[in-house]
Amino acid sequence: LRRGADMTWTAAAVPLRYVGRTIVGKESGEMLGGPIRIAKVSGEGARQSFAAGSGGSGGIFGATANMLLSLLMLAGFLSVGIGLLNLLPIPILDGGHLVYYAYEAAAGKPLGEGAQEWGFRIGLALVLGLMLFATWNDLRYMNVFQSIGNVLS
């Protein structure tokens, strides 16, 4: 239980530290990835953990257990990271709804419909921009643009 709590804390602290350092310009945004990089990292991790596990005394069963444990840990880290992302105070995400609820609790009335609508529009633009940026990084990470350039030249 303690090890699980420590790993969850690490899974939460590392991305938050990275995002903070990226915002202030101390880190590059290149490490931010999306579904393409997640799939690539999952495949590489499964392959490596299977190869590492097959060298032990457990044979194929040990290798499979090692691979499944590795993928389960990756799923846990991703779940914590996505949960934290969802809590950002961007109006379209749950964190943004919490900001609206806090405003309502403090002001005694909900934020006006027009303000909420503009907040959701801006939030949607931010989330879509983040998705495009992550996908762009994924394509660069996999050298897609370089491959296209090689084909065209």
Protein backbone atom coordinates (compact mmCIF):
# COMPACT_ATOMS: atom_id res chain seq x y z
CA LEU A 1 0.00 0.00 0.00
CA ARG A 2 2.83 2.37 0.90
CA ARG A 3 4.73 1.58 -2.30
CA GLY A 4 1.56 2.19 -4.32
CA ALA A 5 1.05 5.57 -2.64
CA ASP A 6 4.70 6.48 -3.31
CA MET A 7 4.39 5.50 -6.96
CA THR A 8 1.15 7.48 -7.30
CA TRP A 9 2.84 10.51 -5.74
CA THR A 10 5.73 10.17 -8.19
CA ALA A 11 3.31 9.73 -11.10
CA ALA A 12 1.63 12.98 -10.04
CA ALA A 13 4.71 15.03 -9.15
CA VAL A 14 6.85 14.34 -12.23
CA PRO A 15 4.31 15.56 -14.84
CA LEU A 16 3.35 18.57 -12.72
CA ARG A 17 7.01 19.54 -12.33
CA TYR A 18 7.54 19.09 -16.07
CA VAL A 19 4.52 21.22 -17.00
CA GLY A 20 5.59 23.93 -14.56
CA ARG A 21 9.14 23.97 -15.91
CA THR A 22 7.80 24.03 -19.48
CA ILE A 23 5.56 27.02 -18.74
CA VAL A 24 8.44 29.05 -17.28
CA GLY A 25 10.73 28.08 -20.16
CA LYS A 26 13.14 25.77 -18.32
CA GLU A 27 12.06 22.65 -20.26
CA SER A 28 11.22 22.00 -23.88
CA GLY A 29 7.69 20.95 -24.78
CA GLU A 30 9.05 18.15 -26.98
CA MET A 31 8.45 15.46 -24.38
CA LEU A 32 4.71 16.09 -24.37
CA GLY A 33 3.17 13.23 -26.31
CA GLY A 34 -0.24 11.99 -27.31
CA PRO A 35 -1.82 8.68 -28.25
CA ILE A 36 0.75 7.85 -30.92
CA ARG A 37 3.66 8.13 -28.50
CA ILE A 38 1.73 6.28 -25.80
CA ALA A 39 1.23 3.36 -28.20
CA LYS A 40 4.89 3.41 -29.24
CA VAL A 41 6.16 3.56 -25.64
CA SER A 42 3.73 0.80 -24.61
CA GLY A 43 4.98 -1.48 -27.37
CA GLU A 44 8.64 -0.78 -26.60
CA GLY A 45 8.07 -1.29 -22.87
CA ALA A 46 6.23 -4.57 -23.42
CA ARG A 47 8.96 -5.82 -25.73
CA GLN A 48 11.75 -4.89 -23.30
CA SER A 49 10.04 -6.27 -20.23
CA PHE A 50 9.21 -9.51 -22.06
CA ALA A 51 12.83 -9.87 -23.17
CA ALA A 52 14.09 -9.14 -19.65
CA GLY A 53 11.64 -11.61 -18.11
CA SER A 54 12.41 -14.41 -20.55
CA GLY A 55 16.02 -14.55 -19.39
CA GLY A 56 15.01 -15.62 -15.89
CA SER A 57 13.97 -18.97 -14.49
CA GLY A 58 10.26 -18.32 -15.10
CA GLY A 59 10.48 -18.95 -18.84
CA ILE A 60 7.61 -17.77 -21.00
CA PHE A 61 5.26 -17.41 -18.02
CA GLY A 62 7.73 -15.22 -16.14
CA ALA A 63 8.27 -13.09 -19.23
CA THR A 64 4.52 -12.69 -19.75
CA ALA A 65 3.97 -11.76 -16.09
CA ASN A 66 6.83 -9.25 -16.29
CA MET A 67 5.36 -7.70 -19.44
CA LEU A 68 1.84 -7.48 -17.96
CA LEU A 69 3.14 -5.87 -14.76
CA SER A 70 5.08 -3.33 -16.80
CA LEU A 71 2.02 -2.45 -18.89
CA LEU A 72 -0.18 -2.26 -15.78
CA MET A 73 2.27 0.22 -14.21
CA LEU A 74 2.27 2.28 -17.41
CA ALA A 75 -1.54 2.32 -17.37
CA GLY A 76 -1.47 3.51 -13.76
CA PHE A 77 0.96 6.33 -14.55
CA LEU A 78 -1.12 7.39 -17.53
CA SER A 79 -4.30 7.32 -15.47
CA VAL A 80 -2.79 9.56 -12.79
CA GLY A 81 -1.43 11.94 -15.44
CA ILE A 82 -4.73 12.19 -17.28
CA GLY A 83 -6.55 12.68 -13.98
CA LEU A 84 -4.26 15.60 -13.12
CA LEU A 85 -4.71 17.08 -16.57
CA ASN A 86 -8.47 16.89 -16.08
CA LEU A 87 -8.14 18.94 -12.89
CA LEU A 88 -6.49 21.90 -14.62
CA PRO A 89 -8.63 25.05 -14.21
CA ILE A 90 -9.66 25.08 -17.86
CA PRO A 91 -13.43 25.64 -18.16
CA ILE A 92 -14.18 22.63 -20.36
CA LEU A 93 -12.41 20.24 -17.94
CA ASP A 94 -13.51 19.19 -14.46
CA GLY A 95 -11.05 21.63 -12.89
CA GLY A 96 -12.80 24.46 -14.72
CA HIS A 97 -16.16 23.32 -13.39
CA LEU A 98 -14.66 23.40 -9.88
CA VAL A 99 -13.58 27.01 -10.50
CA TYR A 100 -17.14 27.87 -11.57
CA TYR A 101 -18.51 26.15 -8.44
CA ALA A 102 -16.03 28.05 -6.25
CA TYR A 103 -17.11 31.32 -7.86
CA GLU A 104 -20.75 30.45 -7.23
CA ALA A 105 -20.02 29.60 -3.60
CA ALA A 106 -18.13 32.87 -3.07
CA ALA A 107 -20.48 35.15 -5.02
CA GLY A 108 -23.71 33.48 -3.97
CA LYS A 109 -24.85 33.22 -7.58
CA PRO A 110 -23.61 31.39 -10.67
CA LEU A 111 -21.42 33.04 -13.25
CA GLY A 112 -23.44 34.51 -16.11
CA GLU A 113 -24.30 32.26 -19.05
CA GLY A 114 -22.38 34.43 -21.50
CA ALA A 115 -19.22 34.31 -19.38
CA GLN A 116 -19.54 30.54 -18.97
CA GLU A 117 -20.04 30.11 -22.72
CA TRP A 118 -16.92 32.15 -23.51
CA GLY A 119 -15.01 30.22 -20.87
CA PHE A 120 -16.00 26.93 -22.49
CA ARG A 121 -15.01 28.21 -25.93
CA ILE A 122 -11.61 29.32 -24.69
CA GLY A 123 -11.20 26.06 -22.79
CA LEU A 124 -12.07 24.04 -25.87
CA ALA A 125 -9.54 26.02 -27.92
CA LEU A 126 -6.87 25.38 -25.26
CA VAL A 127 -7.58 21.65 -25.09
CA LEU A 128 -7.67 21.28 -28.89
CA GLY A 129 -4.44 23.27 -29.14
CA LEU A 130 -2.81 20.98 -26.59
CA MET A 131 -4.01 17.92 -28.53
CA LEU A 132 -2.64 19.32 -31.81
CA PHE A 133 0.68 20.16 -30.15
CA ALA A 134 0.98 16.65 -28.67
CA THR A 135 0.13 15.04 -32.01
CA TRP A 136 2.68 17.28 -33.77
CA ASN A 137 5.30 16.17 -31.23
CA ASP A 138 4.34 12.53 -31.79
CA LEU A 139 4.77 12.84 -35.55
CA ARG A 140 8.14 14.58 -35.10
CA TYR A 141 9.21 11.94 -32.56
CA MET A 142 8.48 9.18 -35.06
CA ASN A 143 10.32 11.08 -37.85
CA VAL A 144 7.21 11.21 -40.04
CA PHE A 145 8.12 14.60 -41.47
CA GLN A 146 11.66 13.45 -42.22
CA SER A 147 10.32 10.35 -43.98
CA ILE A 148 7.95 12.46 -46.07
CA GLY A 149 10.83 14.76 -46.96
CA ASN A 150 12.94 11.76 -48.03
CA VAL A 151 10.13 10.45 -50.23
CA LEU A 152 9.59 13.84 -51.88
CA SER A 153 13.28 14.51 -52.52
